[in-house]
Amino acid sequence: MSENILSLEDLKFLENLHSKFGLTFLRCDESGIRINEDSKISKAIENESFDRLCYLTEITKKLKFRLDSNFQLNFSNQFNCKVDRL
């Protein structure tokens, strides 16, 4: 049986970023966290709330720790996501 890495709250947060702000990928490697630049999320995070950036950082830390690897999280049209280890 597989164990969920992200909580329901984490998934809802990411789904919100995907549906409302156009997040299509989230990459975490040695250079930090990267998201697709054409999304509205870059500006929304900067303008709206530091809390969103902190929560996104916490999600990436959790994934990186549990995967024991750098990763890229890719989202499809209906909020299906695929994790690729880098």
PDB file of N, CA and C in Angstrom:
ATOM      1  N   MET A   1       0.845  -1.178   0.000  1.00  0.00           N
ATOM      2  CA  MET A   1       0.000   0.000   0.000  1.00  0.00           C
ATOM      3  C   MET A   1       0.892   1.242   0.000  1.00  0.00           C
ATOM      4  N   SER A   2       0.609   2.178  -0.866  1.00  0.00           N
ATOM      5  CA  SER A   2       1.428   3.385  -0.936  1.00  0.00           C
ATOM      6  C   SER A   2       0.974   4.394   0.114  1.00  0.00           C
ATOM      7  N   GLU A   3       1.906   5.200   0.534  1.00  0.00           N
ATOM      8  CA  GLU A   3       1.644   6.209   1.547  1.00  0.00           C
ATOM      9  C   GLU A   3       1.597   7.575   0.875  1.00  0.00           C
ATOM     10  N   ASN A   4       0.616   8.390   1.253  1.00  0.00           N
ATOM     11  CA  ASN A   4       0.514   9.731   0.693  1.00  0.00           C
ATOM     12  C   ASN A   4       1.571  10.628   1.309  1.00  0.00           C
ATOM     13  N   ILE A   5       2.243  11.373   0.459  1.00  0.00           N
ATOM     14  CA  ILE A   5       3.273  12.300   0.931  1.00  0.00           C
ATOM     15  C   ILE A   5       2.633  13.625   1.326  1.00  0.00           C
ATOM     16  N   LEU A   6       1.682  14.066   0.524  1.00  0.00           N
ATOM     17  CA  LEU A   6       1.039  15.356   0.768  1.00  0.00           C
ATOM     18  C   LEU A   6      -0.310  15.164   1.446  1.00  0.00           C
ATOM     19  N   SER A   7      -0.654  16.100   2.304  1.00  0.00           N
ATOM     20  CA  SER A   7      -1.951  16.067   2.975  1.00  0.00           C
ATOM     21  C   SER A   7      -3.035  16.565   2.024  1.00  0.00           C
ATOM     22  N   LEU A   8      -4.272  16.376   2.416  1.00  0.00           N
ATOM     23  CA  LEU A   8      -5.398  16.871   1.627  1.00  0.00           C
ATOM     24  C   LEU A   8      -5.330  18.388   1.508  1.00  0.00           C
ATOM     25  N   GLU A   9      -4.926  19.046   2.576  1.00  0.00           N
ATOM     26  CA  GLU A   9      -4.776  20.507   2.563  1.00  0.00           C
ATOM     27  C   GLU A   9      -3.702  20.936   1.558  1.00  0.00           C
ATOM     28  N   ASP A  10      -2.590  20.212   1.520  1.00  0.00           N
ATOM     29  CA  ASP A  10      -1.521  20.502   0.554  1.00  0.00           C
ATOM     30  C   ASP A  10      -2.050  20.374  -0.875  1.00  0.00           C
ATOM     31  N   LEU A  11      -2.765  19.293  -1.126  1.00  0.00           N
ATOM     32  CA  LEU A  11      -3.293  19.057  -2.473  1.00  0.00           C
ATOM     33  C   LEU A  11      -4.307  20.116  -2.878  1.00  0.00           C
ATOM     34  N   LYS A  12      -5.157  20.524  -1.954  1.00  0.00           N
ATOM     35  CA  LYS A  12      -6.134  21.581  -2.257  1.00  0.00           C
ATOM     36  C   LYS A  12      -5.427  22.898  -2.562  1.00  0.00           C
ATOM     37  N   PHE A  13      -4.369  23.184  -1.809  1.00  0.00           N
ATOM     38  CA  PHE A  13      -3.589  24.401  -2.042  1.00  0.00           C
ATOM     39  C   PHE A  13      -2.987  24.372  -3.449  1.00  0.00           C
ATOM     40  N   LEU A  14      -2.365  23.243  -3.824  1.00  0.00           N
ATOM     41  CA  LEU A  14      -1.766  23.120  -5.157  1.00  0.00           C
ATOM     42  C   LEU A  14      -2.821  23.152  -6.250  1.00  0.00           C
ATOM     43  N   GLU A  15      -3.970  22.541  -5.993  1.00  0.00           N
ATOM     44  CA  GLU A  15      -5.056  22.570  -6.981  1.00  0.00           C
ATOM     45  C   GLU A  15      -5.540  23.994  -7.200  1.00  0.00           C
ATOM     46  N   ASN A  16      -5.613  24.771  -6.136  1.00  0.00           N
ATOM     47  CA  ASN A  16      -6.001  26.178  -6.237  1.00  0.00           C
ATOM     48  C   ASN A  16      -4.982  26.958  -7.074  1.00  0.00           C
ATOM     49  N   LEU A  17      -3.701  26.718  -6.832  1.00  0.00           N
ATOM     50  CA  LEU A  17      -2.659  27.397  -7.619  1.00  0.00           C
ATOM     51  C   LEU A  17      -2.740  26.992  -9.085  1.00  0.00           C
ATOM     52  N   HIS A  18      -3.058  25.734  -9.331  1.00  0.00           N
ATOM     53  CA  HIS A  18      -3.180  25.249 -10.711  1.00  0.00           C
ATOM     54  C   HIS A  18      -4.399  25.851 -11.402  1.00  0.00           C
ATOM     55  N   SER A  19      -5.558  25.797 -10.763  1.00  0.00           N
ATOM     56  CA  SER A  19      -6.790  26.244 -11.415  1.00  0.00           C
ATOM     57  C   SER A  19      -6.926  27.758 -11.498  1.00  0.00           C
ATOM     58  N   LYS A  20      -6.557  28.465 -10.443  1.00  0.00           N
ATOM     59  CA  LYS A  20      -6.743  29.922 -10.427  1.00  0.00           C
ATOM     60  C   LYS A  20      -5.569  30.700 -10.994  1.00  0.00           C
ATOM     61  N   PHE A  21      -4.353  30.151 -10.853  1.00  0.00           N
ATOM     62  CA  PHE A  21      -3.176  30.921 -11.229  1.00  0.00           C
ATOM     63  C   PHE A  21      -2.362  30.315 -12.367  1.00  0.00           C
ATOM     64  N   GLY A  22      -2.785  29.167 -12.886  1.00  0.00           N
ATOM     65  CA  GLY A  22      -2.120  28.596 -14.047  1.00  0.00           C
ATOM     66  C   GLY A  22      -0.820  27.863 -13.781  1.00  0.00           C
ATOM     67  N   LEU A  23      -0.640  27.342 -12.571  1.00  0.00           N
ATOM     68  CA  LEU A  23       0.571  26.588 -12.260  1.00  0.00           C
ATOM     69  C   LEU A  23       0.590  25.290 -13.075  1.00  0.00           C
ATOM     70  N   THR A  24       1.654  25.091 -13.861  1.00  0.00           N
ATOM     71  CA  THR A  24       1.765  23.853 -14.638  1.00  0.00           C
ATOM     72  C   THR A  24       2.912  22.975 -14.180  1.00  0.00           C
ATOM     73  N   PHE A  25       3.905  23.566 -13.538  1.00  0.00           N
ATOM     74  CA  PHE A  25       4.960  22.746 -12.949  1.00  0.00           C
ATOM     75  C   PHE A  25       5.592  23.455 -11.762  1.00  0.00           C
ATOM     76  N   LEU A  26       6.140  22.628 -10.888  1.00  0.00           N
ATOM     77  CA  LEU A  26       6.848  23.090  -9.709  1.00  0.00           C
ATOM     78  C   LEU A  26       8.126  22.275  -9.647  1.00  0.00           C
ATOM     79  N   ARG A  27       9.258  22.954  -9.720  1.00  0.00           N
ATOM     80  CA  ARG A  27      10.549  22.270  -9.744  1.00  0.00           C
ATOM     81  C   ARG A  27      11.360  22.677  -8.525  1.00  0.00           C
ATOM     82  N   CYS A  28      11.970  21.701  -7.893  1.00  0.00           N
ATOM     83  CA  CYS A  28      12.798  21.961  -6.720  1.00  0.00           C
ATOM     84  C   CYS A  28      14.139  21.277  -6.937  1.00  0.00           C
ATOM     85  N   ASP A  29      15.211  22.083  -6.987  1.00  0.00           N
ATOM     86  CA  ASP A  29      16.558  21.545  -7.143  1.00  0.00           C
ATOM     87  C   ASP A  29      17.531  22.428  -6.378  1.00  0.00           C
ATOM     88  N   GLU A  30      18.820  22.287  -6.663  1.00  0.00           N
ATOM     89  CA  GLU A  30      19.840  23.043  -5.926  1.00  0.00           C
ATOM     90  C   GLU A  30      19.680  24.558  -6.052  1.00  0.00           C
ATOM     91  N   SER A  31      19.085  25.009  -7.137  1.00  0.00           N
ATOM     92  CA  SER A  31      18.928  26.447  -7.335  1.00  0.00           C
ATOM     93  C   SER A  31      17.661  27.002  -6.679  1.00  0.00           C
ATOM     94  N   GLY A  32      16.869  26.142  -6.066  1.00  0.00           N
ATOM     95  CA  GLY A  32      15.676  26.604  -5.365  1.00  0.00           C
ATOM     96  C   GLY A  32      14.395  26.094  -5.996  1.00  0.00           C
ATOM     97  N   ILE A  33      13.327  26.829  -5.759  1.00  0.00           N
ATOM     98  CA  ILE A  33      12.012  26.474  -6.275  1.00  0.00           C
ATOM     99  C   ILE A  33      11.760  27.273  -7.542  1.00  0.00           C
ATOM    100  N   ARG A  34      11.308  26.583  -8.583  1.00  0.00           N
ATOM    101  CA  ARG A  34      10.941  27.259  -9.826  1.00  0.00           C
ATOM    102  C   ARG A  34       9.538  26.841 -10.230  1.00  0.00           C
ATOM    103  N   ILE A  35       8.809  27.793 -10.801  1.00  0.00           N
ATOM    104  CA  ILE A  35       7.482  27.530 -11.345  1.00  0.00           C
ATOM    105  C   ILE A  35       7.436  28.087 -12.755  1.00  0.00           C
ATOM    106  N   ASN A  36       6.398  27.697 -13.511  1.00  0.00           N
ATOM    107  CA  ASN A  36       6.306  28.238 -14.860  1.00  0.00           C
ATOM    108  C   ASN A  36       6.121  29.749 -14.802  1.00  0.00           C
ATOM    109  N   GLU A  37       6.967  30.439 -15.522  1.00  0.00           N
ATOM    110  CA  GLU A  37       7.005  31.910 -15.466  1.00  0.00           C
ATOM    111  C   GLU A  37       5.785  32.581 -16.090  1.00  0.00           C
ATOM    112  N   ASP A  38       5.099  31.895 -16.984  1.00  0.00           N
ATOM    113  CA  ASP A  38       3.950  32.502 -17.639  1.00  0.00           C
ATOM    114  C   ASP A  38       2.701  32.462 -16.768  1.00  0.00           C
ATOM    115  N   SER A  39       2.774  31.822 -15.619  1.00  0.00           N
ATOM    116  CA  SER A  39       1.599  31.746 -14.758  1.00  0.00           C
ATOM    117  C   SER A  39       1.414  33.048 -13.997  1.00  0.00           C
ATOM    118  N   LYS A  40       0.217  33.251 -13.545  1.00  0.00           N
ATOM    119  CA  LYS A  40      -0.095  34.433 -12.755  1.00  0.00           C
ATOM    120  C   LYS A  40       0.419  34.294 -11.330  1.00  0.00           C
ATOM    121  N   ILE A  41       0.828  33.109 -10.981  1.00  0.00           N
ATOM    122  CA  ILE A  41       1.205  32.849  -9.590  1.00  0.00           C
ATOM    123  C   ILE A  41       2.435  33.623  -9.155  1.00  0.00           C
ATOM    124  N   SER A  42       3.380  33.820 -10.046  1.00  0.00           N
ATOM    125  CA  SER A  42       4.586  34.562  -9.679  1.00  0.00           C
ATOM    126  C   SER A  42       4.231  35.924  -9.109  1.00  0.00           C
ATOM    127  N   LYS A  43       3.383  36.646  -9.799  1.00  0.00           N
ATOM    128  CA  LYS A  43       2.990  37.981  -9.346  1.00  0.00           C
ATOM    129  C   LYS A  43       2.039  37.912  -8.167  1.00  0.00           C
ATOM    130  N   ALA A  44       1.164  36.903  -8.173  1.00  0.00           N
ATOM    131  CA  ALA A  44       0.198  36.769  -7.074  1.00  0.00           C
ATOM    132  C   ALA A  44       0.912  36.509  -5.756  1.00  0.00           C
ATOM    133  N   ILE A  45       1.908  35.658  -5.795  1.00  0.00           N
ATOM    134  CA  ILE A  45       2.654  35.365  -4.571  1.00  0.00           C
ATOM    135  C   ILE A  45       3.378  36.608  -4.089  1.00  0.00           C
ATOM    136  N   GLU A  46       3.985  37.336  -5.002  1.00  0.00           N
ATOM    137  CA  GLU A  46       4.707  38.550  -4.618  1.00  0.00           C
ATOM    138  C   GLU A  46       3.754  39.620  -4.087  1.00  0.00           C
ATOM    139  N   ASN A  47       2.603  39.767  -4.731  1.00  0.00           N
ATOM    140  CA  ASN A  47       1.684  40.846  -4.388  1.00  0.00           C
ATOM    141  C   ASN A  47       0.739  40.529  -3.235  1.00  0.00           C
ATOM    142  N   GLU A  48       0.260  39.294  -3.178  1.00  0.00           N
ATOM    143  CA  GLU A  48      -0.797  38.988  -2.235  1.00  0.00           C
ATOM    144  C   GLU A  48      -0.325  38.705  -0.827  1.00  0.00           C
ATOM    145  N   SER A  49       0.469  37.659  -0.689  1.00  0.00           N
ATOM    146  CA  SER A  49       0.730  37.219   0.661  1.00  0.00           C
ATOM    147  C   SER A  49       2.020  36.427   0.760  1.00  0.00           C
ATOM    148  N   PHE A  50       2.783  36.735   1.759  1.00  0.00           N
ATOM    149  CA  PHE A  50       4.009  35.994   2.036  1.00  0.00           C
ATOM    150  C   PHE A  50       3.665  34.587   2.534  1.00  0.00           C
ATOM    151  N   ASP A  51       2.469  34.424   3.115  1.00  0.00           N
ATOM    152  CA  ASP A  51       2.035  33.123   3.629  1.00  0.00           C
ATOM    153  C   ASP A  51       1.959  32.078   2.524  1.00  0.00           C
ATOM    154  N   ARG A  52       1.527  32.463   1.349  1.00  0.00           N
ATOM    155  CA  ARG A  52       1.450  31.508   0.238  1.00  0.00           C
ATOM    156  C   ARG A  52       2.820  30.998  -0.156  1.00  0.00           C
ATOM    157  N   LEU A  53       3.770  31.897  -0.203  1.00  0.00           N
ATOM    158  CA  LEU A  53       5.132  31.500  -0.546  1.00  0.00           C
ATOM    159  C   LEU A  53       5.695  30.570   0.527  1.00  0.00           C
ATOM    160  N   CYS A  54       5.432  30.888   1.775  1.00  0.00           N
ATOM    161  CA  CYS A  54       5.906  30.037   2.880  1.00  0.00           C
ATOM    162  C   CYS A  54       5.275  28.650   2.795  1.00  0.00           C
ATOM    163  N   TYR A  55       3.985  28.589   2.506  1.00  0.00           N
ATOM    164  CA  TYR A  55       3.312  27.291   2.429  1.00  0.00           C
ATOM    165  C   TYR A  55       3.832  26.488   1.239  1.00  0.00           C
ATOM    166  N   LEU A  56       4.055  27.134   0.118  1.00  0.00           N
ATOM    167  CA  LEU A  56       4.611  26.460  -1.052  1.00  0.00           C
ATOM    168  C   LEU A  56       6.010  25.934  -0.741  1.00  0.00           C
ATOM    169  N   THR A  57       6.783  26.698  -0.013  1.00  0.00           N
ATOM    170  CA  THR A  57       8.119  26.269   0.403  1.00  0.00           C
ATOM    171  C   THR A  57       8.036  25.042   1.306  1.00  0.00           C
ATOM    172  N   GLU A  58       7.087  25.035   2.227  1.00  0.00           N
ATOM    173  CA  GLU A  58       6.914  23.890   3.125  1.00  0.00           C
ATOM    174  C   GLU A  58       6.530  22.629   2.350  1.00  0.00           C
ATOM    175  N   ILE A  59       5.674  22.768   1.355  1.00  0.00           N
ATOM    176  CA  ILE A  59       5.277  21.617   0.531  1.00  0.00           C
ATOM    177  C   ILE A  59       6.484  21.061  -0.212  1.00  0.00           C
ATOM    178  N   THR A  60       7.302  21.932  -0.780  1.00  0.00           N
ATOM    179  CA  THR A  60       8.473  21.450  -1.525  1.00  0.00           C
ATOM    180  C   THR A  60       9.483  20.791  -0.589  1.00  0.00           C
ATOM    181  N   LYS A  61       9.646  21.330   0.623  1.00  0.00           N
ATOM    182  CA  LYS A  61      10.554  20.699   1.593  1.00  0.00           C
ATOM    183  C   LYS A  61      10.065  19.296   1.945  1.00  0.00           C
ATOM    184  N   LYS A  62       8.763  19.168   2.140  1.00  0.00           N
ATOM    185  CA  LYS A  62       8.184  17.880   2.485  1.00  0.00           C
ATOM    186  C   LYS A  62       8.409  16.868   1.358  1.00  0.00           C
ATOM    187  N   LEU A  63       8.166  17.291   0.127  1.00  0.00           N
ATOM    188  CA  LEU A  63       8.371  16.398  -1.013  1.00  0.00           C
ATOM    189  C   LEU A  63       9.835  16.025  -1.190  1.00  0.00           C
ATOM    190  N   LYS A  64      10.710  17.004  -1.076  1.00  0.00           N
ATOM    191  CA  LYS A  64      12.137  16.738  -1.256  1.00  0.00           C
ATOM    192  C   LYS A  64      12.652  15.776  -0.189  1.00  0.00           C
ATOM    193  N   PHE A  65      12.204  15.945   1.039  1.00  0.00           N
ATOM    194  CA  PHE A  65      12.619  15.057   2.120  1.00  0.00           C
ATOM    195  C   PHE A  65      12.101  13.637   1.895  1.00  0.00           C
ATOM    196  N   ARG A  66      10.821  13.515   1.564  1.00  0.00           N
ATOM    197  CA  ARG A  66      10.225  12.193   1.415  1.00  0.00           C
ATOM    198  C   ARG A  66      10.717  11.469   0.173  1.00  0.00           C
ATOM    199  N   LEU A  67      10.992  12.213  -0.910  1.00  0.00           N
ATOM    200  CA  LEU A  67      11.497  11.598  -2.139  1.00  0.00           C
ATOM    201  C   LEU A  67      13.005  11.379  -2.079  1.00  0.00           C
ATOM    202  N   ASP A  68      13.672  12.061  -1.149  1.00  0.00           N
ATOM    203  CA  ASP A  68      15.126  12.020  -1.023  1.00  0.00           C
ATOM    204  C   ASP A  68      15.794  12.357  -2.357  1.00  0.00           C
ATOM    205  N   SER A  69      15.257  13.367  -3.022  1.00  0.00           N
ATOM    206  CA  SER A  69      15.743  13.728  -4.348  1.00  0.00           C
ATOM    207  C   SER A  69      15.199  15.087  -4.748  1.00  0.00           C
ATOM    208  N   ASN A  70      15.868  15.731  -5.706  1.00  0.00           N
ATOM    209  CA  ASN A  70      15.280  16.880  -6.382  1.00  0.00           C
ATOM    210  C   ASN A  70      14.127  16.355  -7.224  1.00  0.00           C
ATOM    211  N   PHE A  71      13.166  17.216  -7.535  1.00  0.00           N
ATOM    212  CA  PHE A  71      11.994  16.730  -8.252  1.00  0.00           C
ATOM    213  C   PHE A  71      11.356  17.828  -9.088  1.00  0.00           C
ATOM    214  N   GLN A  72      10.477  17.400  -9.983  1.00  0.00           N
ATOM    215  CA  GLN A  72       9.603  18.315 -10.705  1.00  0.00           C
ATOM    216  C   GLN A  72       8.208  17.728 -10.652  1.00  0.00           C
ATOM    217  N   LEU A  73       7.261  18.531 -10.235  1.00  0.00           N
ATOM    218  CA  LEU A  73       5.866  18.153 -10.139  1.00  0.00           C
ATOM    219  C   LEU A  73       5.158  18.786 -11.325  1.00  0.00           C
ATOM    220  N   ASN A  74       4.618  17.960 -12.223  1.00  0.00           N
ATOM    221  CA  ASN A  74       3.939  18.442 -13.432  1.00  0.00           C
ATOM    222  C   ASN A  74       2.439  18.246 -13.292  1.00  0.00           C
ATOM    223  N   PHE A  75       1.678  19.276 -13.625  1.00  0.00           N
ATOM    224  CA  PHE A  75       0.221  19.231 -13.517  1.00  0.00           C
ATOM    225  C   PHE A  75      -0.400  19.154 -14.907  1.00  0.00           C
ATOM    226  N   SER A  76      -1.452  18.353 -15.032  1.00  0.00           N
ATOM    227  CA  SER A  76      -2.181  18.286 -16.296  1.00  0.00           C
ATOM    228  C   SER A  76      -3.474  19.083 -16.169  1.00  0.00           C
ATOM    229  N   ASN A  77      -4.271  19.057 -17.211  1.00  0.00           N
ATOM    230  CA  ASN A  77      -5.472  19.896 -17.277  1.00  0.00           C
ATOM    231  C   ASN A  77      -6.470  19.676 -16.151  1.00  0.00           C
ATOM    232  N   GLN A  78      -6.646  18.456 -15.704  1.00  0.00           N
ATOM    233  CA  GLN A  78      -7.664  18.195 -14.689  1.00  0.00           C
ATOM    234  C   GLN A  78      -7.037  17.928 -13.328  1.00  0.00           C
ATOM    235  N   PHE A  79      -5.983  18.591 -13.037  1.00  0.00           N
ATOM    236  CA  PHE A  79      -5.241  18.485 -11.793  1.00  0.00           C
ATOM    237  C   PHE A  79      -4.826  17.046 -11.489  1.00  0.00           C
ATOM    238  N   ASN A  80      -4.298  16.430 -12.480  1.00  0.00           N
ATOM    239  CA  ASN A  80      -3.552  15.201 -12.250  1.00  0.00           C
ATOM    240  C   ASN A  80      -2.105  15.634 -12.187  1.00  0.00           C
ATOM    241  N   CYS A  81      -1.361  15.071 -11.272  1.00  0.00           N
ATOM    242  CA  CYS A  81       0.035  15.474 -11.183  1.00  0.00           C
ATOM    243  C   CYS A  81       0.953  14.265 -11.247  1.00  0.00           C
ATOM    244  N   LYS A  82       2.112  14.514 -11.799  1.00  0.00           N
ATOM    245  CA  LYS A  82       3.126  13.481 -11.941  1.00  0.00           C
ATOM    246  C   LYS A  82       4.418  14.024 -11.360  1.00  0.00           C
ATOM    247  N   VAL A  83       5.061  13.233 -10.527  1.00  0.00           N
ATOM    248  CA  VAL A  83       6.323  13.638  -9.912  1.00  0.00           C
ATOM    249  C   VAL A  83       7.459  12.935 -10.643  1.00  0.00           C
ATOM    250  N   ASP A  84       8.425  13.719 -11.088  1.00  0.00           N
ATOM    251  CA  ASP A  84       9.638  13.185 -11.721  1.00  0.00           C
ATOM    252  C   ASP A  84      10.821  13.528 -10.837  1.00  0.00           C
ATOM    253  N   ARG A  85      11.587  12.509 -10.493  1.00  0.00           N
ATOM    254  CA  ARG A  85      12.833  12.762  -9.755  1.00  0.00           C
ATOM    255  C   ARG A  85      13.875  13.269 -10.722  1.00  0.00           C
ATOM    256  N   LEU A  86      14.694  14.214 -10.265  1.00  0.00           N
ATOM    257  CA  LEU A  86      15.736  14.791 -11.119  1.00  0.00           C
ATOM    258  C   LEU A  86      17.093  14.251 -10.733  1.00  0.00           C
TER     259      LEU A  86
END
